[in-house]
Amino acid sequence: MNHLIAQADLSDRIVCDSAGTAGYHIGSSPDRRMTIAAQKQGITLCGNARQFVRADFETFDRILAMDRENLADICALDLGGKYRHKVQLMCDYCTRHALREVPDPYYGGTEGFNQVIDLLFDACEGLLADVTQALAASK
């Protein structure tokens, strides 16, 4: 997403961050296999893993989960349902793929990572279109 935001010259208006729902890889760099798959598409991954926290509900306008399990984990932190309207599945923004959840690439070999990058690129393009439309409407 940050790659597309930069290409659209919107880095000064859109902030995108990534966080997991579990704490296994906190502080780790992106997975080497995912980094390679992204590089094949001209995308450089950066940053370090962090865990989603309640404060993220206030910090971000949209919170996107990769699958229904992660969606449930995120919603479980929103005890009163105050922020439920912000939480969606990433694939809700896909325009070319029919998958409704991002599959876990870790057991699918190289092709699994390539598939996820392609799927996420589709979703991010749709998300960016939606966000830029919302930005234009708020002017």
Protein backbone atom coordinates (compact mmCIF):
# COMPACT_ATOMS: atom_id res chain seq x y z
CA MET A 1 0.00 0.00 0.00
CA ASN A 2 2.80 2.40 0.86
CA HIS A 3 4.29 1.73 -2.58
CA LEU A 4 1.05 2.81 -4.26
CA ILE A 5 0.64 5.80 -1.93
CA ALA A 6 4.14 7.00 -2.87
CA GLN A 7 3.48 6.46 -6.59
CA ALA A 8 0.33 8.59 -6.28
CA ASP A 9 2.37 11.28 -4.47
CA LEU A 10 0.04 11.07 -1.46
CA SER A 11 2.54 10.17 1.28
CA ASP A 12 1.90 13.54 2.92
CA ARG A 13 -1.86 12.83 3.15
CA ILE A 14 -2.18 9.07 3.73
CA VAL A 15 -0.51 7.08 6.50
CA CYS A 16 -0.48 3.30 6.24
CA ASP A 17 0.87 0.93 8.85
CA SER A 18 0.82 -2.82 9.37
CA ALA A 19 0.31 -4.81 12.54
CA GLY A 20 -0.36 -8.41 13.40
CA THR A 21 -2.95 -9.68 15.82
CA ALA A 22 -0.48 -11.98 17.57
CA GLY A 23 2.87 -11.08 19.06
CA TYR A 24 5.08 -13.83 17.65
CA HIS A 25 7.26 -11.72 15.35
CA ILE A 26 7.34 -8.33 17.10
CA GLY A 27 10.42 -6.41 15.93
CA SER A 28 11.15 -8.76 13.03
CA SER A 29 11.75 -7.60 9.45
CA PRO A 30 9.38 -8.74 6.69
CA ASP A 31 9.61 -12.44 5.82
CA ARG A 32 12.44 -13.08 3.34
CA ARG A 33 10.13 -14.98 0.98
CA MET A 34 7.57 -12.17 0.97
CA THR A 35 10.34 -9.62 0.43
CA ILE A 36 11.50 -11.54 -2.67
CA ALA A 37 7.93 -11.83 -4.04
CA ALA A 38 7.42 -8.09 -3.51
CA GLN A 39 10.74 -7.21 -5.17
CA LYS A 40 9.63 -9.10 -8.29
CA GLN A 41 6.75 -6.58 -8.50
CA GLY A 42 9.07 -3.60 -7.93
CA ILE A 43 7.96 -3.18 -4.31
CA THR A 44 10.39 -2.71 -1.44
CA LEU A 45 9.12 -3.92 1.93
CA CYS A 46 10.39 -2.19 5.03
CA GLY A 47 9.56 -1.81 8.68
CA ASN A 48 9.37 -4.18 11.59
CA ALA A 49 6.52 -6.30 12.87
CA ARG A 50 4.35 -4.93 15.64
CA GLN A 51 1.16 -6.07 17.31
CA PHE A 52 -2.20 -4.36 16.88
CA VAL A 53 -3.17 -2.42 20.03
CA ARG A 54 -6.41 -0.75 21.16
CA ALA A 55 -4.92 2.71 20.50
CA ASP A 56 -4.85 1.83 16.78
CA PHE A 57 -8.64 2.23 16.74
CA GLU A 58 -8.16 5.93 17.50
CA THR A 59 -5.08 6.39 15.34
CA PHE A 60 -6.40 4.95 12.06
CA ASP A 61 -9.53 5.65 10.00
CA ARG A 62 -9.59 2.15 8.50
CA ILE A 63 -8.45 -1.12 9.96
CA LEU A 64 -8.16 -3.99 7.50
CA ALA A 65 -7.85 -7.64 8.42
CA MET A 66 -6.39 -10.28 6.14
CA ASP A 67 -8.90 -12.96 7.13
CA ARG A 68 -11.97 -13.56 9.30
CA GLU A 69 -9.91 -14.92 12.19
CA ASN A 70 -7.85 -11.73 12.35
CA LEU A 71 -11.03 -9.67 11.96
CA ALA A 72 -12.49 -11.42 15.01
CA ASP A 73 -9.26 -10.88 16.98
CA ILE A 74 -9.32 -7.16 16.18
CA CYS A 75 -13.01 -6.80 17.00
CA ALA A 76 -12.44 -8.60 20.31
CA LEU A 77 -10.31 -5.61 21.39
CA ASP A 78 -13.23 -3.26 20.67
CA LEU A 79 -15.29 -4.34 23.65
CA GLY A 80 -18.14 -1.86 23.19
CA GLY A 81 -18.19 -2.03 19.38
CA LYS A 82 -17.40 1.69 19.12
CA TYR A 83 -14.93 1.18 16.26
CA ARG A 84 -16.53 -1.78 14.46
CA HIS A 85 -17.39 0.48 11.51
CA LYS A 86 -13.66 0.95 10.86
CA VAL A 87 -12.84 -2.76 10.60
CA GLN A 88 -13.12 -4.59 7.26
CA LEU A 89 -11.55 -7.42 5.32
CA MET A 90 -8.73 -6.40 3.01
CA CYS A 91 -10.21 -8.36 0.13
CA ASP A 92 -13.35 -6.18 0.27
CA TYR A 93 -11.32 -3.84 -1.94
CA CYS A 94 -10.32 -6.40 -4.59
CA THR A 95 -11.56 -5.75 -8.10
CA ARG A 96 -9.87 -8.59 -10.00
CA HIS A 97 -9.82 -11.44 -7.48
CA ALA A 98 -12.75 -13.37 -6.06
CA LEU A 99 -11.02 -14.50 -2.84
CA ARG A 100 -12.63 -12.96 0.24
CA GLU A 101 -9.67 -13.62 2.54
CA VAL A 102 -5.91 -13.42 2.11
CA PRO A 103 -4.53 -16.97 2.36
CA ASP A 104 -1.59 -17.68 4.64
CA PRO A 105 1.39 -17.94 2.26
CA TYR A 106 3.76 -19.59 4.72
CA TYR A 107 2.85 -23.13 3.69
CA GLY A 108 2.33 -22.51 -0.03
CA GLY A 109 5.95 -22.20 -1.12
CA THR A 110 7.14 -19.47 -3.46
CA GLU A 111 3.90 -19.50 -5.43
CA GLY A 112 1.92 -18.84 -2.23
CA PHE A 113 3.86 -15.63 -1.64
CA ASN A 114 3.50 -14.55 -5.27
CA GLN A 115 -0.26 -15.16 -5.07
CA VAL A 116 -0.57 -13.10 -1.89
CA ILE A 117 1.41 -10.19 -3.37
CA ASP A 118 -0.83 -10.21 -6.45
CA LEU A 119 -3.97 -10.38 -4.32
CA LEU A 120 -2.81 -7.60 -2.01
CA PHE A 121 -1.77 -5.41 -4.93
CA ASP A 122 -5.33 -5.72 -6.28
CA ALA A 123 -6.84 -4.92 -2.87
CA CYS A 124 -4.48 -1.99 -2.31
CA GLU A 125 -5.34 -0.49 -5.69
CA GLY A 126 -9.03 -0.67 -4.81
CA LEU A 127 -8.38 0.71 -1.33
CA LEU A 128 -6.33 3.61 -2.69
CA ALA A 129 -9.10 4.46 -5.17
CA ASP A 130 -11.62 4.48 -2.32
CA VAL A 131 -9.40 6.58 -0.03
CA THR A 132 -8.58 9.13 -2.73
CA GLN A 133 -12.28 9.45 -3.54
CA ALA A 134 -12.98 10.06 0.16
CA LEU A 135 -10.19 12.66 0.32
CA ALA A 136 -11.61 14.48 -2.71
CA ALA A 137 -15.10 14.47 -1.21
CA SER A 138 -13.82 15.94 2.07
CA LYS A 139 -12.39 19.05 0.37
